Amino acid sequence: GIEIDFLGIKDLATDSTSRMALKFDAI
């Protein structure tokens, strides 16, 4: 996944929702 901060801790998270939102102009 993609490196992010979650609850103040460095970790990985899915970026699928971001890719879909940007690709399809989704909310």
PDB file of all heavy atoms in Angstrom:
ATOM      1  N   GLY A   1       0.834  -1.196   0.000  1.00  0.00           N
ATOM      2  CA  GLY A   1       0.000   0.000   0.000  1.00  0.00           C
ATOM      3  C   GLY A   1       0.859   1.232   0.000  1.00  0.00           C
ATOM      4  O   GLY A   1       2.028   1.209  -0.412  1.00  0.00           O
ATOM      5  N   ILE A   2       0.301   2.310   0.492  1.00  0.00           N
ATOM      6  CA  ILE A   2       0.995   3.587   0.464  1.00  0.00           C
ATOM      7  C   ILE A   2       1.292   4.019   1.898  1.00  0.00           C
ATOM      8  O   ILE A   2       0.486   3.805   2.803  1.00  0.00           O
ATOM      9  CB  ILE A   2       0.145   4.640  -0.284  1.00  0.00           C
ATOM     10  CG1 ILE A   2       0.956   5.872  -0.608  1.00  0.00           C
ATOM     11  CG2 ILE A   2      -1.112   4.997   0.475  1.00  0.00           C
ATOM     12  CD1 ILE A   2       0.283   6.760  -1.642  1.00  0.00           C
ATOM     13  N   GLU A   3       2.460   4.601   2.117  1.00  0.00           N
ATOM     14  CA  GLU A   3       2.873   4.974   3.461  1.00  0.00           C
ATOM     15  C   GLU A   3       2.125   6.224   3.931  1.00  0.00           C
ATOM     16  O   GLU A   3       2.122   7.245   3.251  1.00  0.00           O
ATOM     17  CB  GLU A   3       4.381   5.207   3.506  1.00  0.00           C
ATOM     18  CG  GLU A   3       4.927   5.414   4.904  1.00  0.00           C
ATOM     19  CD  GLU A   3       6.439   5.555   4.909  1.00  0.00           C
ATOM     20  OE1 GLU A   3       7.117   4.665   4.340  1.00  0.00           O
ATOM     21  OE2 GLU A   3       6.939   6.557   5.471  1.00  0.00           O
ATOM     22  N   ILE A   4       1.507   6.100   5.104  1.00  0.00           N
ATOM     23  CA  ILE A   4       0.758   7.219   5.673  1.00  0.00           C
ATOM     24  C   ILE A   4       0.968   7.224   7.194  1.00  0.00           C
ATOM     25  O   ILE A   4       1.638   6.356   7.738  1.00  0.00           O
ATOM     26  CB  ILE A   4      -0.766   7.115   5.358  1.00  0.00           C
ATOM     27  CG1 ILE A   4      -1.309   5.704   5.689  1.00  0.00           C
ATOM     28  CG2 ILE A   4      -1.037   7.419   3.905  1.00  0.00           C
ATOM     29  CD1 ILE A   4      -1.822   5.501   7.051  1.00  0.00           C
ATOM     30  N   ASP A   5       0.380   8.222   7.859  1.00  0.00           N
ATOM     31  CA  ASP A   5       0.303   8.217   9.313  1.00  0.00           C
ATOM     32  C   ASP A   5      -1.117   7.838   9.700  1.00  0.00           C
ATOM     33  O   ASP A   5      -2.084   8.410   9.176  1.00  0.00           O
ATOM     34  CB  ASP A   5       0.626   9.604   9.884  1.00  0.00           C
ATOM     35  CG  ASP A   5       2.105   9.923   9.804  1.00  0.00           C
ATOM     36  OD1 ASP A   5       2.908   8.976   9.794  1.00  0.00           O
ATOM     37  OD2 ASP A   5       2.456  11.116   9.732  1.00  0.00           O
ATOM     38  N   PHE A   6      -1.236   6.873  10.590  1.00  0.00           N
ATOM     39  CA  PHE A   6      -2.545   6.449  11.078  1.00  0.00           C
ATOM     40  C   PHE A   6      -2.509   6.457  12.588  1.00  0.00           C
ATOM     41  O   PHE A   6      -1.665   5.797  13.193  1.00  0.00           O
ATOM     42  CB  PHE A   6      -2.883   5.049  10.556  1.00  0.00           C
ATOM     43  CG  PHE A   6      -4.243   4.551  10.966  1.00  0.00           C
ATOM     44  CD1 PHE A   6      -5.385   5.068  10.377  1.00  0.00           C
ATOM     45  CD2 PHE A   6      -4.385   3.589  11.946  1.00  0.00           C
ATOM     46  CE1 PHE A   6      -6.648   4.628  10.761  1.00  0.00           C
ATOM     47  CE2 PHE A   6      -5.638   3.132  12.328  1.00  0.00           C
ATOM     48  CZ  PHE A   6      -6.772   3.660  11.734  1.00  0.00           C
ATOM     49  N   LEU A   7      -3.372   7.249  13.210  1.00  0.00           N
ATOM     50  CA  LEU A   7      -3.362   7.436  14.656  1.00  0.00           C
ATOM     51  C   LEU A   7      -1.988   7.916  15.135  1.00  0.00           C
ATOM     52  O   LEU A   7      -1.532   7.583  16.227  1.00  0.00           O
ATOM     53  CB  LEU A   7      -3.761   6.144  15.378  1.00  0.00           C
ATOM     54  CG  LEU A   7      -5.211   5.713  15.209  1.00  0.00           C
ATOM     55  CD1 LEU A   7      -5.425   4.310  15.778  1.00  0.00           C
ATOM     56  CD2 LEU A   7      -6.159   6.705  15.873  1.00  0.00           C
ATOM     57  N   GLY A   8      -1.325   8.686  14.278  1.00  0.00           N
ATOM     58  CA  GLY A   8      -0.023   9.231  14.621  1.00  0.00           C
ATOM     59  C   GLY A   8       1.133   8.278  14.427  1.00  0.00           C
ATOM     60  O   GLY A   8       2.280   8.607  14.751  1.00  0.00           O
ATOM     61  N   ILE A   9       0.871   7.089  13.876  1.00  0.00           N
ATOM     62  CA  ILE A   9       1.898   6.064  13.685  1.00  0.00           C
ATOM     63  C   ILE A   9       2.101   5.820  12.196  1.00  0.00           C
ATOM     64  O   ILE A   9       1.135   5.709  11.436  1.00  0.00           O
ATOM     65  CB  ILE A   9       1.492   4.738  14.363  1.00  0.00           C
ATOM     66  CG1 ILE A   9       0.992   4.970  15.792  1.00  0.00           C
ATOM     67  CG2 ILE A   9       2.651   3.750  14.331  1.00  0.00           C
ATOM     68  CD1 ILE A   9       1.993   5.566  16.723  1.00  0.00           C
ATOM     69  N   LYS A  10       3.348   5.708  11.777  1.00  0.00           N
ATOM     70  CA  LYS A  10       3.642   5.406  10.369  1.00  0.00           C
ATOM     71  C   LYS A  10       3.188   3.994  10.036  1.00  0.00           C
ATOM     72  O   LYS A  10       3.482   3.050  10.756  1.00  0.00           O
ATOM     73  CB  LYS A  10       5.142   5.543  10.092  1.00  0.00           C
ATOM     74  CG  LYS A  10       5.520   5.293   8.633  1.00  0.00           C
ATOM     75  CD  LYS A  10       6.987   5.578   8.370  1.00  0.00           C
ATOM     76  CE  LYS A  10       7.879   4.477   8.921  1.00  0.00           C
ATOM     77  NZ  LYS A  10       9.286   4.601   8.460  1.00  0.00           N
ATOM     78  N   ASP A  11       2.468   3.852   8.921  1.00  0.00           N
ATOM     79  CA  ASP A  11       2.007   2.531   8.504  1.00  0.00           C
ATOM     80  C   ASP A  11       1.622   2.581   7.029  1.00  0.00           C
ATOM     81  O   ASP A  11       1.774   3.616   6.374  1.00  0.00           O
ATOM     82  CB  ASP A  11       0.818   2.068   9.349  1.00  0.00           C
ATOM     83  CG  ASP A  11       0.825   0.566   9.574  1.00  0.00           C
ATOM     84  OD1 ASP A  11       1.081  -0.170   8.599  1.00  0.00           O
ATOM     85  OD2 ASP A  11       0.572   0.124  10.700  1.00  0.00           O
ATOM     86  N   LEU A  12       1.118   1.451   6.536  1.00  0.00           N
ATOM     87  CA  LEU A  12       0.658   1.371   5.153  1.00  0.00           C
ATOM     88  C   LEU A  12      -0.864   1.383   5.115  1.00  0.00           C
ATOM     89  O   LEU A  12      -1.520   0.921   6.038  1.00  0.00           O
ATOM     90  CB  LEU A  12       1.171   0.085   4.486  1.00  0.00           C
ATOM     91  CG  LEU A  12       2.684  -0.084   4.380  1.00  0.00           C
ATOM     92  CD1 LEU A  12       3.009  -1.411   3.693  1.00  0.00           C
ATOM     93  CD2 LEU A  12       3.308   1.074   3.609  1.00  0.00           C
ATOM     94  N   ALA A  13      -1.408   1.917   4.023  1.00  0.00           N
ATOM     95  CA  ALA A  13      -2.871   1.947   3.862  1.00  0.00           C
ATOM     96  C   ALA A  13      -3.199   1.737   2.392  1.00  0.00           C
ATOM     97  O   ALA A  13      -2.390   2.025   1.499  1.00  0.00           O
ATOM     98  CB  ALA A  13      -3.442   3.278   4.348  1.00  0.00           C
ATOM     99  N   THR A  14      -4.405   1.249   2.136  1.00  0.00           N
ATOM    100  CA  THR A  14      -4.838   1.069   0.761  1.00  0.00           C
ATOM    101  C   THR A  14      -5.004   2.424   0.077  1.00  0.00           C
ATOM    102  O   THR A  14      -5.498   3.375   0.686  1.00  0.00           O
ATOM    103  CB  THR A  14      -6.160   0.285   0.691  1.00  0.00           C
ATOM    104  OG1 THR A  14      -6.562   0.164  -0.674  1.00  0.00           O
ATOM    105  CG2 THR A  14      -7.266   0.963   1.478  1.00  0.00           C
ATOM    106  N   ASP A  15      -4.591   2.490  -1.175  1.00  0.00           N
ATOM    107  CA  ASP A  15      -4.798   3.721  -1.943  1.00  0.00           C
ATOM    108  C   ASP A  15      -5.863   3.524  -3.025  1.00  0.00           C
ATOM    109  O   ASP A  15      -6.051   4.371  -3.888  1.00  0.00           O
ATOM    110  CB  ASP A  15      -3.487   4.184  -2.582  1.00  0.00           C
ATOM    111  CG  ASP A  15      -2.897   3.152  -3.546  1.00  0.00           C
ATOM    112  OD1 ASP A  15      -3.505   2.080  -3.737  1.00  0.00           O
ATOM    113  OD2 ASP A  15      -1.818   3.416  -4.111  1.00  0.00           O
ATOM    114  N   SER A  16      -6.586   2.386  -2.947  1.00  0.00           N
ATOM    115  CA  SER A  16      -7.568   2.067  -3.985  1.00  0.00           C
ATOM    116  C   SER A  16      -8.689   3.100  -4.048  1.00  0.00           C
ATOM    117  O   SER A  16      -9.147   3.472  -5.132  1.00  0.00           O
ATOM    118  CB  SER A  16      -8.160   0.673  -3.747  1.00  0.00           C
ATOM    119  OG  SER A  16      -8.815   0.612  -2.489  1.00  0.00           O
ATOM    120  N   THR A  17      -9.127   3.568  -2.889  1.00  0.00           N
ATOM    121  CA  THR A  17     -10.212   4.555  -2.875  1.00  0.00           C
ATOM    122  C   THR A  17      -9.759   5.874  -3.487  1.00  0.00           C
ATOM    123  O   THR A  17     -10.531   6.539  -4.191  1.00  0.00           O
ATOM    124  CB  THR A  17     -10.698   4.790  -1.436  1.00  0.00           C
ATOM    125  OG1 THR A  17      -9.569   5.068  -0.597  1.00  0.00           O
ATOM    126  CG2 THR A  17     -11.423   3.565  -0.896  1.00  0.00           C
ATOM    127  N   SER A  18      -8.511   6.248  -3.249  1.00  0.00           N
ATOM    128  CA  SER A  18      -7.976   7.489  -3.822  1.00  0.00           C
ATOM    129  C   SER A  18      -7.874   7.381  -5.341  1.00  0.00           C
ATOM    130  O   SER A  18      -8.249   8.315  -6.075  1.00  0.00           O
ATOM    131  CB  SER A  18      -6.595   7.789  -3.233  1.00  0.00           C
ATOM    132  OG  SER A  18      -6.670   7.949  -1.842  1.00  0.00           O
ATOM    133  N   ARG A  19      -7.371   6.261  -5.820  1.00  0.00           N
ATOM    134  CA  ARG A  19      -7.237   6.066  -7.265  1.00  0.00           C
ATOM    135  C   ARG A  19      -8.601   6.086  -7.955  1.00  0.00           C
ATOM    136  O   ARG A  19      -8.759   6.706  -9.020  1.00  0.00           O
ATOM    137  CB  ARG A  19      -6.519   4.744  -7.547  1.00  0.00           C
ATOM    138  CG  ARG A  19      -5.062   4.738  -7.106  1.00  0.00           C
ATOM    139  CD  ARG A  19      -4.370   3.431  -7.441  1.00  0.00           C
ATOM    140  NE  ARG A  19      -2.996   3.426  -6.973  1.00  0.00           N
ATOM    141  CZ  ARG A  19      -1.965   3.966  -7.615  1.00  0.00           C
ATOM    142  NH1 ARG A  19      -2.174   4.541  -8.796  1.00  0.00           N
ATOM    143  NH2 ARG A  19      -0.747   3.925  -7.115  1.00  0.00           N
ATOM    144  N   MET A  20      -9.573   5.430  -7.352  1.00  0.00           N
ATOM    145  CA  MET A  20     -10.906   5.387  -7.944  1.00  0.00           C
ATOM    146  C   MET A  20     -11.561   6.762  -7.932  1.00  0.00           C
ATOM    147  O   MET A  20     -12.221   7.172  -8.895  1.00  0.00           O
ATOM    148  CB  MET A  20     -11.779   4.382  -7.196  1.00  0.00           C
ATOM    149  CG  MET A  20     -11.364   2.927  -7.354  1.00  0.00           C
ATOM    150  SD  MET A  20     -11.544   2.323  -9.055  1.00  0.00           S
ATOM    151  CE  MET A  20     -13.313   2.359  -9.243  1.00  0.00           C
ATOM    152  N   ALA A  21     -11.393   7.488  -6.831  1.00  0.00           N
ATOM    153  CA  ALA A  21     -12.003   8.818  -6.720  1.00  0.00           C
ATOM    154  C   ALA A  21     -11.431   9.768  -7.767  1.00  0.00           C
ATOM    155  O   ALA A  21     -12.168  10.533  -8.408  1.00  0.00           O
ATOM    156  CB  ALA A  21     -11.786   9.380  -5.320  1.00  0.00           C
ATOM    157  N   LEU A  22     -10.124   9.726  -7.957  1.00  0.00           N
ATOM    158  CA  LEU A  22      -9.484  10.619  -8.923  1.00  0.00           C
ATOM    159  C   LEU A  22      -9.799  10.207 -10.356  1.00  0.00           C
ATOM    160  O   LEU A  22     -10.012  11.059 -11.230  1.00  0.00           O
ATOM    161  CB  LEU A  22      -7.971  10.638  -8.686  1.00  0.00           C
ATOM    162  CG  LEU A  22      -7.525  11.336  -7.386  1.00  0.00           C
ATOM    163  CD1 LEU A  22      -6.060  11.038  -7.094  1.00  0.00           C
ATOM    164  CD2 LEU A  22      -7.751  12.846  -7.475  1.00  0.00           C
ATOM    165  N   LYS A  23      -9.844   8.913 -10.599  1.00  0.00           N
ATOM    166  CA  LYS A  23     -10.091   8.421 -11.956  1.00  0.00           C
ATOM    167  C   LYS A  23     -11.525   8.689 -12.407  1.00  0.00           C
ATOM    168  O   LYS A  23     -11.767   9.056 -13.555  1.00  0.00           O
ATOM    169  CB  LYS A  23      -9.798   6.917 -12.015  1.00  0.00           C
ATOM    170  CG  LYS A  23     -10.000   6.289 -13.395  1.00  0.00           C
ATOM    171  CD  LYS A  23      -9.659   4.810 -13.362  1.00  0.00           C
ATOM    172  CE  LYS A  23      -9.908   4.142 -14.711  1.00  0.00           C
ATOM    173  NZ  LYS A  23      -9.036   4.665 -15.788  1.00  0.00           N
ATOM    174  N   PHE A  24     -12.487   8.531 -11.479  1.00  0.00           N
ATOM    175  CA  PHE A  24     -13.898   8.617 -11.855  1.00  0.00           C
ATOM    176  C   PHE A  24     -14.598   9.866 -11.306  1.00  0.00           C
ATOM    177  O   PHE A  24     -15.813   9.966 -11.378  1.00  0.00           O
ATOM    178  CB  PHE A  24     -14.643   7.365 -11.363  1.00  0.00           C
ATOM    179  CG  PHE A  24     -14.280   6.118 -12.113  1.00  0.00           C
ATOM    180  CD1 PHE A  24     -13.305   5.262 -11.626  1.00  0.00           C
ATOM    181  CD2 PHE A  24     -14.899   5.804 -13.318  1.00  0.00           C
ATOM    182  CE1 PHE A  24     -12.960   4.108 -12.314  1.00  0.00           C
ATOM    183  CE2 PHE A  24     -14.570   4.654 -14.010  1.00  0.00           C
ATOM    184  CZ  PHE A  24     -13.587   3.797 -13.518  1.00  0.00           C
ATOM    185  N   ASP A  25     -13.814  10.808 -10.774  1.00  0.00           N
ATOM    186  CA  ASP A  25     -14.381  12.034 -10.230  1.00  0.00           C
ATOM    187  C   ASP A  25     -15.450  11.697  -9.185  1.00  0.00           C
ATOM    188  O   ASP A  25     -16.527  12.292  -9.136  1.00  0.00           O
ATOM    189  CB  ASP A  25     -14.987  12.897 -11.347  1.00  0.00           C
ATOM    190  CG  ASP A  25     -15.449  14.257 -10.855  1.00  0.00           C
ATOM    191  OD1 ASP A  25     -14.761  14.833  -9.992  1.00  0.00           O
ATOM    192  OD2 ASP A  25     -16.520  14.729 -11.307  1.00  0.00           O
ATOM    193  N   ALA A  26     -15.141  10.729  -8.345  1.00  0.00           N
ATOM    194  CA  ALA A  26     -16.103  10.250  -7.346  1.00  0.00           C
ATOM    195  C   ALA A  26     -15.972  11.048  -6.056  1.00  0.00           C
ATOM    196  O   ALA A  26     -14.922  11.618  -5.747  1.00  0.00           O
ATOM    197  CB  ALA A  26     -15.876   8.773  -7.060  1.00  0.00           C
ATOM    198  N   ILE A  27     -17.049  11.073  -5.299  1.00  0.00           N
ATOM    199  CA  ILE A  27     -17.042  11.714  -3.993  1.00  0.00           C
ATOM    200  C   ILE A  27     -16.889  10.642  -2.919  1.00  0.00           C
ATOM    201  O   ILE A  27     -17.505   9.573  -3.003  1.00  0.00           O
ATOM    202  CB  ILE A  27     -18.331  12.548  -3.787  1.00  0.00           C
ATOM    203  CG1 ILE A  27     -18.206  13.436  -2.553  1.00  0.00           C
ATOM    204  CG2 ILE A  27     -19.573  11.668  -3.718  1.00  0.00           C
ATOM    205  CD1 ILE A  27     -19.264  14.516  -2.480  1.00  0.00           C
TER     206      ILE A  27
END
